[in-house]
C-alpha cells in the first residue's frame, strides 16, 4: 500500500465514522430496484417514491433507486417521516459534454437525502460487450477518465459514489481504478455474486473489495454445469452456496454504517460460456489461471433446490414469485444479519 492509497483508505474510514456519527448508525437492511425489476418491467415504470412505499410494505428499511419522475423533496420527506433511508442511483457521463446533466442528477440526489449513490461503468457483461483485449482496454481507460471527470462534482456536492463490480472489471482491475482516483468520494458497491461470472472465488472478492465498500447488493447464488460453461442464478438468501453471514461480517468490519440492499433477481439462469474461446477474448490469461477452479467450484456446489425460472410462466406467476422472494429475503436478513 503506497502513501496515496493509505491516505485514501484513511479518508474512507473517516468518512464512514462521520456517517455513523451523523445518524446513519449501524448498517441498515433494504432493497435495490433490480430486486423488483419484473414488477417495473411488467406493470409500471420505476418511481423512487412508489418504490419506497412498496419496499416498506415488503419489510425493507429503505431503498436504492434512481429518482426518475420523483421530486427530490417528495422522497426526502417520505423517508424522514418513516425513519428509513434512501440511496441514489446515477448515470455516469460519457464525456465532458454530459457533465452538466450528471451534476444536476447529483444535486437532486443530495436534495432527496442520499449521501451515497450507486453507478455502473456499463450495463453489459464483459464477455458479451467486448470481443478483444484491445476493446476492453479502451473501455478501461475511458473509465479512468470518467472518474477524473466526476470526482470534483461529487466532492462539491458531498455525495459518495459507489461503483458496482458489474461483471465488467475483475476485482484486481476495479481496485486499480480505485487506487488511480484515490478519493474519499468514490468507492465500490460490492455485489456479493457478480464476480462468479468472471470465474472468481466469491469470498475472496469480498475480502479484497471491503476496504473500498460504500454500499452492497446482497445476494446468494446457485451454479449448475452446462455444456459451454455453467449457469448462474440468484436464489433466496440462505439457499445458495455463498456464506452470506461471513461476507456481511467482513463488510461491516470495514464499514460499520454500510447499507445492505437485497438484490434477488427473479429471472432465468444466466449462461456463463467459459468453455468457449470467445469468453476469454478480453482476458486470455484467465483460462489458465481461473477456469479449472471455477468449474470445480460449480461441480462441488450443486443447487440445494430448484432455481428461479420465469420462462413460460404467466405475468401473475412471475410477479408473485418475485414478491415472495423479496419478502423472504428481507425476513432472512432481519433474522440472520441484524446487528
C-alpha atoms as a PDB file:
ATOM      1  CA  UNK A   1       0.000   0.000   0.000  1.00  0.00           C
ATOM      2  CA  UNK A   2       1.566   3.267  -1.119  1.00  0.00           C
ATOM      3  CA  UNK A   3       1.179   6.571   0.707  1.00  0.00           C
ATOM      4  CA  UNK A   4      -1.544   7.856  -1.610  1.00  0.00           C
ATOM      5  CA  UNK A   5      -3.532   4.641  -1.241  1.00  0.00           C
ATOM      6  CA  UNK A   6      -3.103   4.783   2.535  1.00  0.00           C
ATOM      7  CA  UNK A   7      -4.456   8.332   2.626  1.00  0.00           C
ATOM      8  CA  UNK A   8      -7.484   7.277   0.593  1.00  0.00           C
ATOM      9  CA  UNK A   9      -8.188   4.289   2.836  1.00  0.00           C
ATOM     10  CA  UNK A  10      -7.876   6.516   5.905  1.00  0.00           C
ATOM     11  CA  UNK A  11     -10.206   9.095   4.320  1.00  0.00           C
ATOM     12  CA  UNK A  12     -12.814   6.448   3.543  1.00  0.00           C
ATOM     13  CA  UNK A  13     -12.601   5.177   7.125  1.00  0.00           C
ATOM     14  CA  UNK A  14     -13.037   8.715   8.438  1.00  0.00           C
ATOM     15  CA  UNK A  15     -15.992   9.270   6.138  1.00  0.00           C
ATOM     16  CA  UNK A  16     -17.673   6.118   7.428  1.00  0.00           C
ATOM     17  CA  UNK A  17     -17.139   7.267  11.020  1.00  0.00           C
ATOM     18  CA  UNK A  18     -18.832  10.550  10.130  1.00  0.00           C
ATOM     19  CA  UNK A  19     -21.785   8.678   8.647  1.00  0.00           C
ATOM     20  CA  UNK A  20     -22.246   6.786  11.898  1.00  0.00           C
ATOM     21  CA  UNK A  21     -21.860   9.951  13.999  1.00  0.00           C
ATOM     22  CA  UNK A  22     -24.343  11.834  11.822  1.00  0.00           C
ATOM     23  CA  UNK A  23     -27.093   9.330  12.439  1.00  0.00           C
ATOM     24  CA  UNK A  24     -26.593   6.686   9.780  1.00  0.00           C
ATOM     25  CA  UNK A  25     -25.999   4.224  12.615  1.00  0.00           C
ATOM     26  CA  UNK A  26     -25.337   0.536  12.191  1.00  0.00           C
ATOM     27  CA  UNK A  27     -25.822  -0.978   8.762  1.00  0.00           C
ATOM     28  CA  UNK A  28     -29.432  -0.964   7.612  1.00  0.00           C
ATOM     29  CA  UNK A  29     -31.355  -3.548   5.619  1.00  0.00           C
ATOM     30  CA  UNK A  30     -33.188  -2.653   2.444  1.00  0.00           C
ATOM     31  CA  UNK A  31     -33.620  -3.411  -1.225  1.00  0.00           C
ATOM     32  CA  UNK A  32     -32.436  -2.199  -4.625  1.00  0.00           C
ATOM     33  CA  UNK A  33     -34.502  -1.586  -7.739  1.00  0.00           C
ATOM     34  CA  UNK A  34     -33.402  -4.670  -9.663  1.00  0.00           C
ATOM     35  CA  UNK A  35     -34.873  -6.919  -6.984  1.00  0.00           C
ATOM     36  CA  UNK A  36     -38.233  -5.723  -8.310  1.00  0.00           C
ATOM     37  CA  UNK A  37     -37.331  -5.478 -11.985  1.00  0.00           C
ATOM     38  CA  UNK A  38     -40.130  -7.800 -13.069  1.00  0.00           C
ATOM     39  CA  UNK A  39     -42.694  -5.601 -11.324  1.00  0.00           C
ATOM     40  CA  UNK A  40     -41.396  -2.469 -13.006  1.00  0.00           C
ATOM     41  CA  UNK A  41     -40.996  -4.160 -16.385  1.00  0.00           C
ATOM     42  CA  UNK A  42     -44.433  -5.764 -16.424  1.00  0.00           C
ATOM     43  CA  UNK A  43     -46.597  -3.236 -14.586  1.00  0.00           C
ATOM     44  CA  UNK A  44     -45.216   0.308 -14.327  1.00  0.00           C
ATOM     45  CA  UNK A  45     -42.013   2.351 -14.708  1.00  0.00           C
ATOM     46  CA  UNK A  46     -39.867   2.822 -11.643  1.00  0.00           C
ATOM     47  CA  UNK A  47     -40.501   5.836  -9.432  1.00  0.00           C
ATOM     48  CA  UNK A  48     -38.496   6.360  -6.259  1.00  0.00           C
ATOM     49  CA  UNK A  49     -41.462   7.295  -4.054  1.00  0.00           C
ATOM     50  CA  UNK A  50     -43.648   4.428  -5.280  1.00  0.00           C
ATOM     51  CA  UNK A  51     -40.745   2.030  -4.957  1.00  0.00           C
ATOM     52  CA  UNK A  52     -40.001   3.260  -1.435  1.00  0.00           C
ATOM     53  CA  UNK A  53     -43.607   2.726  -0.320  1.00  0.00           C
ATOM     54  CA  UNK A  54     -43.703  -0.732  -1.881  1.00  0.00           C
ATOM     55  CA  UNK A  55     -40.340  -1.678  -0.381  1.00  0.00           C
ATOM     56  CA  UNK A  56     -41.505  -0.680   3.096  1.00  0.00           C
ATOM     57  CA  UNK A  57     -44.549  -2.909   2.643  1.00  0.00           C
ATOM     58  CA  UNK A  58     -42.184  -5.768   1.794  1.00  0.00           C
ATOM     59  CA  UNK A  59     -40.268  -5.174   5.019  1.00  0.00           C
ATOM     60  CA  UNK A  60     -37.332  -3.067   3.825  1.00  0.00           C
ATOM     61  CA  UNK A  61     -35.991  -0.163   5.853  1.00  0.00           C
ATOM     62  CA  UNK A  62     -35.067   1.753   2.715  1.00  0.00           C
ATOM     63  CA  UNK A  63     -34.183   1.621  -0.952  1.00  0.00           C
ATOM     64  CA  UNK A  64     -31.506   2.213  -3.525  1.00  0.00           C
ATOM     65  CA  UNK A  65     -33.128   3.689  -6.603  1.00  0.00           C
ATOM     66  CA  UNK A  66     -32.889   6.396  -9.268  1.00  0.00           C
ATOM     67  CA  UNK A  67     -35.296   9.309  -8.762  1.00  0.00           C
ATOM     68  CA  UNK A  68     -36.867   9.090 -12.248  1.00  0.00           C
ATOM     69  CA  UNK A  69     -40.047  11.119 -12.152  1.00  0.00           C
ATOM     70  CA  UNK A  70     -39.942  11.790  -8.425  1.00  0.00           C
ATOM     71  CA  UNK A  71     -39.271  15.220  -6.966  1.00  0.00           C
ATOM     72  CA  UNK A  72     -36.315  15.149  -4.528  1.00  0.00           C
ATOM     73  CA  UNK A  73     -38.426  16.810  -1.835  1.00  0.00           C
ATOM     74  CA  UNK A  74     -41.041  14.062  -2.091  1.00  0.00           C
ATOM     75  CA  UNK A  75     -38.670  11.185  -1.390  1.00  0.00           C
ATOM     76  CA  UNK A  76     -36.801  13.134   1.295  1.00  0.00           C
ATOM     77  CA  UNK A  77     -39.990  13.904   3.233  1.00  0.00           C
ATOM     78  CA  UNK A  78     -41.241  10.349   2.804  1.00  0.00           C
ATOM     79  CA  UNK A  79     -38.000   8.916   4.159  1.00  0.00           C
ATOM     80  CA  UNK A  80     -37.831  11.361   7.066  1.00  0.00           C
ATOM     81  CA  UNK A  81     -41.434  10.682   8.066  1.00  0.00           C
ATOM     82  CA  UNK A  82     -40.941   6.910   8.078  1.00  0.00           C
ATOM     83  CA  UNK A  83     -37.430   6.803   9.528  1.00  0.00           C
ATOM     84  CA  UNK A  84     -35.971   4.928   6.570  1.00  0.00           C
ATOM     85  CA  UNK A  85     -33.143   5.651   4.164  1.00  0.00           C
ATOM     86  CA  UNK A  86     -32.607   6.495   0.520  1.00  0.00           C
ATOM     87  CA  UNK A  87     -29.556   5.699  -1.605  1.00  0.00           C
ATOM     88  CA  UNK A  88     -29.416   7.139  -5.099  1.00  0.00           C
ATOM     89  CA  UNK A  89     -28.550   5.719  -8.489  1.00  0.00           C
ATOM     90  CA  UNK A  90     -26.759   7.775 -11.147  1.00  0.00           C
ATOM     91  CA  UNK A  91     -25.886   7.521 -14.834  1.00  0.00           C
ATOM     92  CA  UNK A  92     -22.227   8.273 -15.453  1.00  0.00           C
ATOM     93  CA  UNK A  93     -21.315  10.896 -18.069  1.00  0.00           C
ATOM     94  CA  UNK A  94     -19.677   9.640 -21.250  1.00  0.00           C
ATOM     95  CA  UNK A  95     -17.794  12.892 -21.835  1.00  0.00           C
ATOM     96  CA  UNK A  96     -17.396  16.449 -20.561  1.00  0.00           C
ATOM     97  CA  UNK A  97     -20.445  17.367 -22.627  1.00  0.00           C
ATOM     98  CA  UNK A  98     -22.569  15.225 -20.299  1.00  0.00           C
ATOM     99  CA  UNK A  99     -21.129  16.639 -17.086  1.00  0.00           C
ATOM    100  CA  UNK A 100     -23.774  19.335 -16.549  1.00  0.00           C
ATOM    101  CA  UNK A 101     -26.559  16.733 -16.688  1.00  0.00           C
ATOM    102  CA  UNK A 102     -24.612  14.492 -14.309  1.00  0.00           C
ATOM    103  CA  UNK A 103     -24.148  17.357 -11.848  1.00  0.00           C
ATOM    104  CA  UNK A 104     -27.869  18.079 -11.950  1.00  0.00           C
ATOM    105  CA  UNK A 105     -28.571  14.439 -11.031  1.00  0.00           C
ATOM    106  CA  UNK A 106     -26.016  14.596  -8.228  1.00  0.00           C
ATOM    107  CA  UNK A 107     -27.600  17.760  -6.838  1.00  0.00           C
ATOM    108  CA  UNK A 108     -31.102  16.284  -6.960  1.00  0.00           C
ATOM    109  CA  UNK A 109     -29.913  13.048  -5.344  1.00  0.00           C
ATOM    110  CA  UNK A 110     -28.437  15.009  -2.460  1.00  0.00           C
ATOM    111  CA  UNK A 111     -31.636  17.061  -2.179  1.00  0.00           C
ATOM    112  CA  UNK A 112     -33.506  13.785  -1.852  1.00  0.00           C
ATOM    113  CA  UNK A 113     -31.406  12.986   1.215  1.00  0.00           C
ATOM    114  CA  UNK A 114     -28.915  10.487  -0.178  1.00  0.00           C
ATOM    115  CA  UNK A 115     -25.296  10.525   0.968  1.00  0.00           C
ATOM    116  CA  UNK A 116     -24.370   7.529  -1.218  1.00  0.00           C
ATOM    117  CA  UNK A 117     -25.374   6.675  -4.787  1.00  0.00           C
ATOM    118  CA  UNK A 118     -24.729   3.673  -6.998  1.00  0.00           C
ATOM    119  CA  UNK A 119     -23.399   3.681 -10.562  1.00  0.00           C
ATOM    120  CA  UNK A 120     -22.038   1.228 -13.124  1.00  0.00           C
ATOM    121  CA  UNK A 121     -19.480   1.736 -15.851  1.00  0.00           C
ATOM    122  CA  UNK A 122     -21.516  -0.381 -18.262  1.00  0.00           C
ATOM    123  CA  UNK A 123     -24.738  -2.383 -18.238  1.00  0.00           C
ATOM    124  CA  UNK A 124     -23.125  -5.010 -20.468  1.00  0.00           C
ATOM    125  CA  UNK A 125     -21.310  -8.124 -19.323  1.00  0.00           C
ATOM    126  CA  UNK A 126     -17.620  -8.109 -20.178  1.00  0.00           C
ATOM    127  CA  UNK A 127     -17.607 -11.347 -22.178  1.00  0.00           C
ATOM    128  CA  UNK A 128     -20.643 -10.200 -24.196  1.00  0.00           C
ATOM    129  CA  UNK A 129     -19.868  -6.481 -24.639  1.00  0.00           C
ATOM    130  CA  UNK A 130     -16.192  -6.777 -25.694  1.00  0.00           C
ATOM    131  CA  UNK A 131     -14.657  -9.298 -28.056  1.00  0.00           C
ATOM    132  CA  UNK A 132     -10.963  -8.353 -27.787  1.00  0.00           C
ATOM    133  CA  UNK A 133      -8.492  -7.325 -25.133  1.00  0.00           C
ATOM    134  CA  UNK A 134      -7.854  -4.088 -27.012  1.00  0.00           C
ATOM    135  CA  UNK A 135     -11.549  -3.185 -26.942  1.00  0.00           C
ATOM    136  CA  UNK A 136     -11.737  -3.791 -23.226  1.00  0.00           C
ATOM    137  CA  UNK A 137      -8.565  -1.795 -22.571  1.00  0.00           C
ATOM    138  CA  UNK A 138     -10.088   1.170 -24.412  1.00  0.00           C
ATOM    139  CA  UNK A 139     -13.155   0.888 -22.187  1.00  0.00           C
ATOM    140  CA  UNK A 140     -10.965   0.626 -19.078  1.00  0.00           C
ATOM    141  CA  UNK A 141      -9.065   3.807 -19.953  1.00  0.00           C
ATOM    142  CA  UNK A 142     -12.365   5.587 -20.520  1.00  0.00           C
ATOM    143  CA  UNK A 143     -13.433   4.530 -17.024  1.00  0.00           C
ATOM    144  CA  UNK A 144     -10.318   6.205 -15.605  1.00  0.00           C
ATOM    145  CA  UNK A 145     -11.143   9.404 -17.465  1.00  0.00           C
ATOM    146  CA  UNK A 146     -14.731   9.278 -16.220  1.00  0.00           C
ATOM    147  CA  UNK A 147     -13.624   9.007 -12.601  1.00  0.00           C
ATOM    148  CA  UNK A 148     -11.378  12.033 -13.011  1.00  0.00           C
ATOM    149  CA  UNK A 149     -14.235  13.954 -14.609  1.00  0.00           C
ATOM    150  CA  UNK A 150     -16.825  13.277 -11.916  1.00  0.00           C
ATOM    151  CA  UNK A 151     -14.711  13.399  -8.759  1.00  0.00           C
ATOM    152  CA  UNK A 152     -14.779  17.227  -8.373  1.00  0.00           C
ATOM    153  CA  UNK A 153     -18.570  17.208  -8.830  1.00  0.00           C
ATOM    154  CA  UNK A 154     -19.045  14.566  -6.143  1.00  0.00           C
ATOM    155  CA  UNK A 155     -16.738  16.421  -3.783  1.00  0.00           C
ATOM    156  CA  UNK A 156     -18.536  19.723  -4.416  1.00  0.00           C
ATOM    157  CA  UNK A 157     -21.940  18.256  -3.544  1.00  0.00           C
ATOM    158  CA  UNK A 158     -20.609  15.872  -0.884  1.00  0.00           C
ATOM    159  CA  UNK A 159     -22.104  12.751  -2.409  1.00  0.00           C
ATOM    160  CA  UNK A 160     -20.220   9.468  -2.290  1.00  0.00           C
ATOM    161  CA  UNK A 161     -20.428   7.312  -5.387  1.00  0.00           C
ATOM    162  CA  UNK A 162     -20.315   3.517  -5.152  1.00  0.00           C
ATOM    163  CA  UNK A 163     -19.209   1.886  -8.421  1.00  0.00           C
ATOM    164  CA  UNK A 164     -20.555  -1.650  -8.724  1.00  0.00           C
ATOM    165  CA  UNK A 165     -18.465  -4.677  -9.628  1.00  0.00           C
ATOM    166  CA  UNK A 166     -20.835  -5.293 -12.512  1.00  0.00           C
ATOM    167  CA  UNK A 167     -19.419  -8.269 -14.452  1.00  0.00           C
ATOM    168  CA  UNK A 168     -17.099  -5.869 -16.250  1.00  0.00           C
ATOM    169  CA  UNK A 169     -13.853  -5.456 -14.287  1.00  0.00           C
ATOM    170  CA  UNK A 170     -12.048  -8.162 -12.384  1.00  0.00           C
ATOM    171  CA  UNK A 171     -11.503  -7.446  -8.709  1.00  0.00           C
ATOM    172  CA  UNK A 172      -7.881  -6.525  -9.352  1.00  0.00           C
ATOM    173  CA  UNK A 173      -8.852  -4.135 -12.154  1.00  0.00           C
ATOM    174  CA  UNK A 174     -11.543  -2.440 -10.081  1.00  0.00           C
ATOM    175  CA  UNK A 175      -9.166  -1.945  -7.170  1.00  0.00           C
ATOM    176  CA  UNK A 176      -6.698  -0.466  -9.641  1.00  0.00           C
ATOM    177  CA  UNK A 177      -9.314   2.078 -10.673  1.00  0.00           C
ATOM    178  CA  UNK A 178      -9.975   2.971  -7.035  1.00  0.00           C
ATOM    179  CA  UNK A 179      -6.266   3.497  -6.472  1.00  0.00           C
ATOM    180  CA  UNK A 180      -5.966   5.584  -9.612  1.00  0.00           C
ATOM    181  CA  UNK A 181      -8.576   8.121  -8.442  1.00  0.00           C
ATOM    182  CA  UNK A 182      -7.696   7.843  -4.730  1.00  0.00           C
ATOM    183  CA  UNK A 183     -10.705   9.821  -3.464  1.00  0.00           C
ATOM    184  CA  UNK A 184     -12.910   9.536  -0.399  1.00  0.00           C
ATOM    185  CA  UNK A 185     -15.865  10.392  -2.665  1.00  0.00           C
ATOM    186  CA  UNK A 186     -15.544   7.315  -4.863  1.00  0.00           C
ATOM    187  CA  UNK A 187     -15.649   3.721  -3.679  1.00  0.00           C
ATOM    188  CA  UNK A 188     -17.246   0.391  -4.542  1.00  0.00           C
ATOM    189  CA  UNK A 189     -20.727  -1.032  -4.430  1.00  0.00           C
ATOM    190  CA  UNK A 190     -19.921  -4.625  -3.541  1.00  0.00           C
ATOM    191  CA  UNK A 191     -22.162  -7.143  -5.252  1.00  0.00           C
ATOM    192  CA  UNK A 192     -21.690 -10.442  -3.458  1.00  0.00           C
ATOM    193  CA  UNK A 193     -22.305 -12.645  -6.506  1.00  0.00           C
ATOM    194  CA  UNK A 194     -21.363 -10.849  -9.724  1.00  0.00           C
ATOM    195  CA  UNK A 195     -17.720 -11.848  -9.954  1.00  0.00           C
ATOM    196  CA  UNK A 196     -18.639 -15.512 -10.150  1.00  0.00           C
ATOM    197  CA  UNK A 197     -19.348 -14.682 -13.801  1.00  0.00           C
ATOM    198  CA  UNK A 198     -15.650 -13.744 -14.139  1.00  0.00           C
ATOM    199  CA  UNK A 199     -14.581 -17.064 -12.543  1.00  0.00           C
ATOM    200  CA  UNK A 200     -13.507 -15.504  -9.235  1.00  0.00           C
ATOM    201  CA  UNK A 201     -13.810 -17.078  -5.787  1.00  0.00           C
ATOM    202  CA  UNK A 202     -16.655 -15.079  -4.216  1.00  0.00           C
ATOM    203  CA  UNK A 203     -15.468 -14.834  -0.628  1.00  0.00           C
ATOM    204  CA  UNK A 204     -12.033 -13.655  -1.718  1.00  0.00           C
ATOM    205  CA  UNK A 205     -13.711 -10.948  -3.804  1.00  0.00           C
ATOM    206  CA  UNK A 206     -15.433  -9.594  -0.694  1.00  0.00           C
ATOM    207  CA  UNK A 207     -12.218  -9.591   1.326  1.00  0.00           C
ATOM    208  CA  UNK A 208     -10.422  -7.658  -1.405  1.00  0.00           C
ATOM    209  CA  UNK A 209     -13.159  -5.081  -2.070  1.00  0.00           C
ATOM    210  CA  UNK A 210     -14.243  -4.485   1.540  1.00  0.00           C
ATOM    211  CA  UNK A 211     -11.766  -1.604   2.182  1.00  0.00           C
ATOM    212  CA  UNK A 212     -13.468   0.349  -0.630  1.00  0.00           C
ATOM    213  CA  UNK A 213     -17.063  -0.626   0.148  1.00  0.00           C
ATOM    214  CA  UNK A 214     -19.677   2.144   0.325  1.00  0.00           C
ATOM    215  CA  UNK A 215     -22.789   0.045  -0.352  1.00  0.00           C
ATOM    216  CA  UNK A 216     -23.814  -3.566  -1.011  1.00  0.00           C
ATOM    217  CA  UNK A 217     -26.007  -5.620  -3.315  1.00  0.00           C
ATOM    218  CA  UNK A 218     -26.647  -8.668  -1.174  1.00  0.00           C
ATOM    219  CA  UNK A 219     -27.440 -11.925  -2.923  1.00  0.00           C
ATOM    220  CA  UNK A 220     -26.977 -15.662  -2.635  1.00  0.00           C
ATOM    221  CA  UNK A 221     -26.075 -17.753  -5.666  1.00  0.00           C
ATOM    222  CA  UNK A 222     -26.507 -21.170  -7.218  1.00  0.00           C
ATOM    223  CA  UNK A 223     -24.480 -22.702 -10.034  1.00  0.00           C
ATOM    224  CA  UNK A 224     -25.178 -25.561 -12.446  1.00  0.00           C
ATOM    225  CA  UNK A 225     -22.959 -27.222 -15.038  1.00  0.00           C
ATOM    226  CA  UNK A 226     -23.635 -26.564 -18.733  1.00  0.00           C
ATOM    227  CA  UNK A 227     -22.046 -27.777 -21.943  1.00  0.00           C
ATOM    228  CA  UNK A 228     -20.437 -24.403 -22.678  1.00  0.00           C
ATOM    229  CA  UNK A 229     -19.655 -23.465 -19.063  1.00  0.00           C
ATOM    230  CA  UNK A 230     -22.160 -23.063 -16.275  1.00  0.00           C
ATOM    231  CA  UNK A 231     -25.467 -21.439 -15.337  1.00  0.00           C
ATOM    232  CA  UNK A 232     -25.568 -18.755 -12.648  1.00  0.00           C
ATOM    233  CA  UNK A 233     -28.671 -17.895 -10.604  1.00  0.00           C
ATOM    234  CA  UNK A 234     -29.644 -15.582  -7.793  1.00  0.00           C
ATOM    235  CA  UNK A 235     -31.529 -17.664  -5.234  1.00  0.00           C
ATOM    236  CA  UNK A 236     -33.310 -16.845  -1.960  1.00  0.00           C
ATOM    237  CA  UNK A 237     -30.850 -15.853   0.750  1.00  0.00           C
ATOM    238  CA  UNK A 238     -29.647 -18.832   2.739  1.00  0.00           C
ATOM    239  CA  UNK A 239     -30.421 -21.357  -0.006  1.00  0.00           C
ATOM    240  CA  UNK A 240     -27.320 -20.856  -2.168  1.00  0.00           C
ATOM    241  CA  UNK A 241     -23.678 -21.771  -1.668  1.00  0.00           C
ATOM    242  CA  UNK A 242     -22.381 -18.377  -0.515  1.00  0.00           C
ATOM    243  CA  UNK A 243     -21.547 -17.850   3.143  1.00  0.00           C
ATOM    244  CA  UNK A 244     -23.564 -14.646   3.317  1.00  0.00           C
ATOM    245  CA  UNK A 245     -23.137 -14.010   7.070  1.00  0.00           C
ATOM    246  CA  UNK A 246     -19.360 -14.316   6.651  1.00  0.00           C
ATOM    247  CA  UNK A 247     -19.425 -11.838   3.780  1.00  0.00           C
ATOM    248  CA  UNK A 248     -21.540  -9.369   5.728  1.00  0.00           C
ATOM    249  CA  UNK A 249     -19.235  -9.640   8.727  1.00  0.00           C
ATOM    250  CA  UNK A 250     -16.245  -8.699   6.555  1.00  0.00           C
ATOM    251  CA  UNK A 251     -18.089  -5.758   5.013  1.00  0.00           C
ATOM    252  CA  UNK A 252     -19.388  -4.463   8.339  1.00  0.00           C
ATOM    253  CA  UNK A 253     -15.947  -4.673   9.868  1.00  0.00           C
ATOM    254  CA  UNK A 254     -14.622  -2.468   7.081  1.00  0.00           C
ATOM    255  CA  UNK A 255     -17.632  -0.124   7.103  1.00  0.00           C
ATOM    256  CA  UNK A 256     -19.924  -0.331  10.170  1.00  0.00           C
ATOM    257  CA  UNK A 257     -22.500   2.004   8.586  1.00  0.00           C
ATOM    258  CA  UNK A 258     -22.771   0.146   5.290  1.00  0.00           C
ATOM    259  CA  UNK A 259     -26.264  -0.416   3.903  1.00  0.00           C
ATOM    260  CA  UNK A 260     -27.199  -3.931   2.770  1.00  0.00           C
ATOM    261  CA  UNK A 261     -29.533  -3.777  -0.227  1.00  0.00           C
ATOM    262  CA  UNK A 262     -31.167  -7.055  -1.196  1.00  0.00           C
ATOM    263  CA  UNK A 263     -30.802  -7.895  -4.893  1.00  0.00           C
ATOM    264  CA  UNK A 264     -32.794 -11.046  -5.502  1.00  0.00           C
ATOM    265  CA  UNK A 265     -33.259 -11.083  -9.282  1.00  0.00           C
ATOM    266  CA  UNK A 266     -36.132 -13.395 -10.137  1.00  0.00           C
ATOM    267  CA  UNK A 267     -35.241 -14.460 -13.694  1.00  0.00           C
ATOM    268  CA  UNK A 268     -33.933 -17.339 -15.765  1.00  0.00           C
ATOM    269  CA  UNK A 269     -30.356 -18.523 -15.044  1.00  0.00           C
ATOM    270  CA  UNK A 270     -27.551 -16.605 -16.747  1.00  0.00           C
ATOM    271  CA  UNK A 271     -25.308 -18.590 -19.070  1.00  0.00           C
ATOM    272  CA  UNK A 272     -21.568 -18.156 -18.394  1.00  0.00           C
ATOM    273  CA  UNK A 273     -19.900 -19.615 -21.536  1.00  0.00           C
ATOM    274  CA  UNK A 274     -16.473 -20.113 -20.010  1.00  0.00           C
ATOM    275  CA  UNK A 275     -15.752 -23.303 -22.003  1.00  0.00           C
ATOM    276  CA  UNK A 276     -15.673 -21.240 -25.216  1.00  0.00           C
ATOM    277  CA  UNK A 277     -12.665 -19.400 -26.611  1.00  0.00           C
ATOM    278  CA  UNK A 278     -14.713 -16.242 -27.188  1.00  0.00           C
ATOM    279  CA  UNK A 279     -15.345 -15.881 -23.456  1.00  0.00           C
ATOM    280  CA  UNK A 280     -11.622 -15.291 -22.835  1.00  0.00           C
ATOM    281  CA  UNK A 281     -11.158 -12.678 -25.545  1.00  0.00           C
ATOM    282  CA  UNK A 282     -10.673  -9.818 -23.058  1.00  0.00           C
ATOM    283  CA  UNK A 283      -8.576 -11.710 -20.513  1.00  0.00           C
ATOM    284  CA  UNK A 284      -6.731 -14.502 -22.339  1.00  0.00           C
ATOM    285  CA  UNK A 285      -4.576 -15.475 -19.358  1.00  0.00           C
ATOM    286  CA  UNK A 286      -7.627 -16.239 -17.211  1.00  0.00           C
ATOM    287  CA  UNK A 287      -8.266 -19.576 -18.878  1.00  0.00           C
ATOM    288  CA  UNK A 288      -5.074 -20.992 -17.389  1.00  0.00           C
ATOM    289  CA  UNK A 289      -5.384 -19.292 -14.012  1.00  0.00           C
ATOM    290  CA  UNK A 290      -9.111 -19.472 -13.181  1.00  0.00           C
ATOM    291  CA  UNK A 291     -11.094 -21.916 -15.319  1.00  0.00           C
ATOM    292  CA  UNK A 292     -10.321 -25.200 -13.575  1.00  0.00           C
ATOM    293  CA  UNK A 293     -11.034 -23.804 -10.110  1.00  0.00           C
ATOM    294  CA  UNK A 294     -14.279 -22.226 -11.292  1.00  0.00           C
ATOM    295  CA  UNK A 295     -15.560 -25.444 -12.876  1.00  0.00           C
ATOM    296  CA  UNK A 296     -14.551 -27.390  -9.782  1.00  0.00           C
ATOM    297  CA  UNK A 297     -16.499 -24.884  -7.651  1.00  0.00           C
ATOM    298  CA  UNK A 298     -19.564 -25.480  -9.831  1.00  0.00           C
ATOM    299  CA  UNK A 299     -19.242 -29.257  -9.533  1.00  0.00           C
ATOM    300  CA  UNK A 300     -18.799 -29.120  -5.748  1.00  0.00           C
ATOM    301  CA  UNK A 301     -21.800 -26.845  -5.151  1.00  0.00           C
ATOM    302  CA  UNK A 302     -24.908 -28.227  -6.879  1.00  0.00           C
ATOM    303  CA  UNK A 303     -28.173 -26.316  -6.197  1.00  0.00           C
ATOM    304  CA  UNK A 304     -29.916 -27.197  -2.945  1.00  0.00           C
ATOM    305  CA  UNK A 305     -33.336 -26.662  -4.542  1.00  0.00           C
ATOM    306  CA  UNK A 306     -34.778 -25.661  -7.933  1.00  0.00           C
ATOM    307  CA  UNK A 307     -33.521 -22.244  -9.051  1.00  0.00           C
ATOM    308  CA  UNK A 308     -35.837 -19.427 -10.174  1.00  0.00           C
ATOM    309  CA  UNK A 309     -37.161 -19.665 -13.735  1.00  0.00           C
ATOM    310  CA  UNK A 310     -39.586 -17.251 -15.401  1.00  0.00           C
ATOM    311  CA  UNK A 311     -39.725 -18.556 -18.970  1.00  0.00           C
ATOM    312  CA  UNK A 312     -43.149 -19.992 -19.773  1.00  0.00           C
ATOM    313  CA  UNK A 313     -44.844 -18.576 -16.675  1.00  0.00           C
ATOM    314  CA  UNK A 314     -47.695 -16.088 -16.636  1.00  0.00           C
ATOM    315  CA  UNK A 315     -47.174 -12.482 -15.581  1.00  0.00           C
ATOM    316  CA  UNK A 316     -49.149 -13.167 -12.407  1.00  0.00           C
ATOM    317  CA  UNK A 317     -46.902 -16.112 -11.520  1.00  0.00           C
ATOM    318  CA  UNK A 318     -43.696 -14.163 -12.138  1.00  0.00           C
ATOM    319  CA  UNK A 319     -44.815 -11.169 -10.074  1.00  0.00           C
ATOM    320  CA  UNK A 320     -45.997 -13.378  -7.226  1.00  0.00           C
ATOM    321  CA  UNK A 321     -42.721 -15.312  -7.144  1.00  0.00           C
ATOM    322  CA  UNK A 322     -40.657 -12.123  -7.260  1.00  0.00           C
ATOM    323  CA  UNK A 323     -42.592 -10.615  -4.370  1.00  0.00           C
ATOM    324  CA  UNK A 324     -42.320 -13.798  -2.329  1.00  0.00           C
ATOM    325  CA  UNK A 325     -38.577 -13.993  -2.942  1.00  0.00           C
ATOM    326  CA  UNK A 326     -38.134 -10.398  -1.815  1.00  0.00           C
ATOM    327  CA  UNK A 327     -40.288 -10.756   1.294  1.00  0.00           C
ATOM    328  CA  UNK A 328     -38.477 -13.938   2.272  1.00  0.00           C
ATOM    329  CA  UNK A 329     -35.094 -12.355   1.593  1.00  0.00           C
ATOM    330  CA  UNK A 330     -35.769  -9.310   3.737  1.00  0.00           C
ATOM    331  CA  UNK A 331     -37.093 -11.508   6.533  1.00  0.00           C
ATOM    332  CA  UNK A 332     -33.969 -13.689   6.327  1.00  0.00           C
ATOM    333  CA  UNK A 333     -31.781 -10.598   6.544  1.00  0.00           C
ATOM    334  CA  UNK A 334     -33.570  -9.413   9.682  1.00  0.00           C
ATOM    335  CA  UNK A 335     -33.211 -12.803  11.344  1.00  0.00           C
ATOM    336  CA  UNK A 336     -29.675 -13.679  10.266  1.00  0.00           C
ATOM    337  CA  UNK A 337     -27.922 -10.332   9.910  1.00  0.00           C
ATOM    338  CA  UNK A 338     -29.435  -7.938  12.408  1.00  0.00           C
ATOM    339  CA  UNK A 339     -26.507  -6.410  14.320  1.00  0.00           C
END
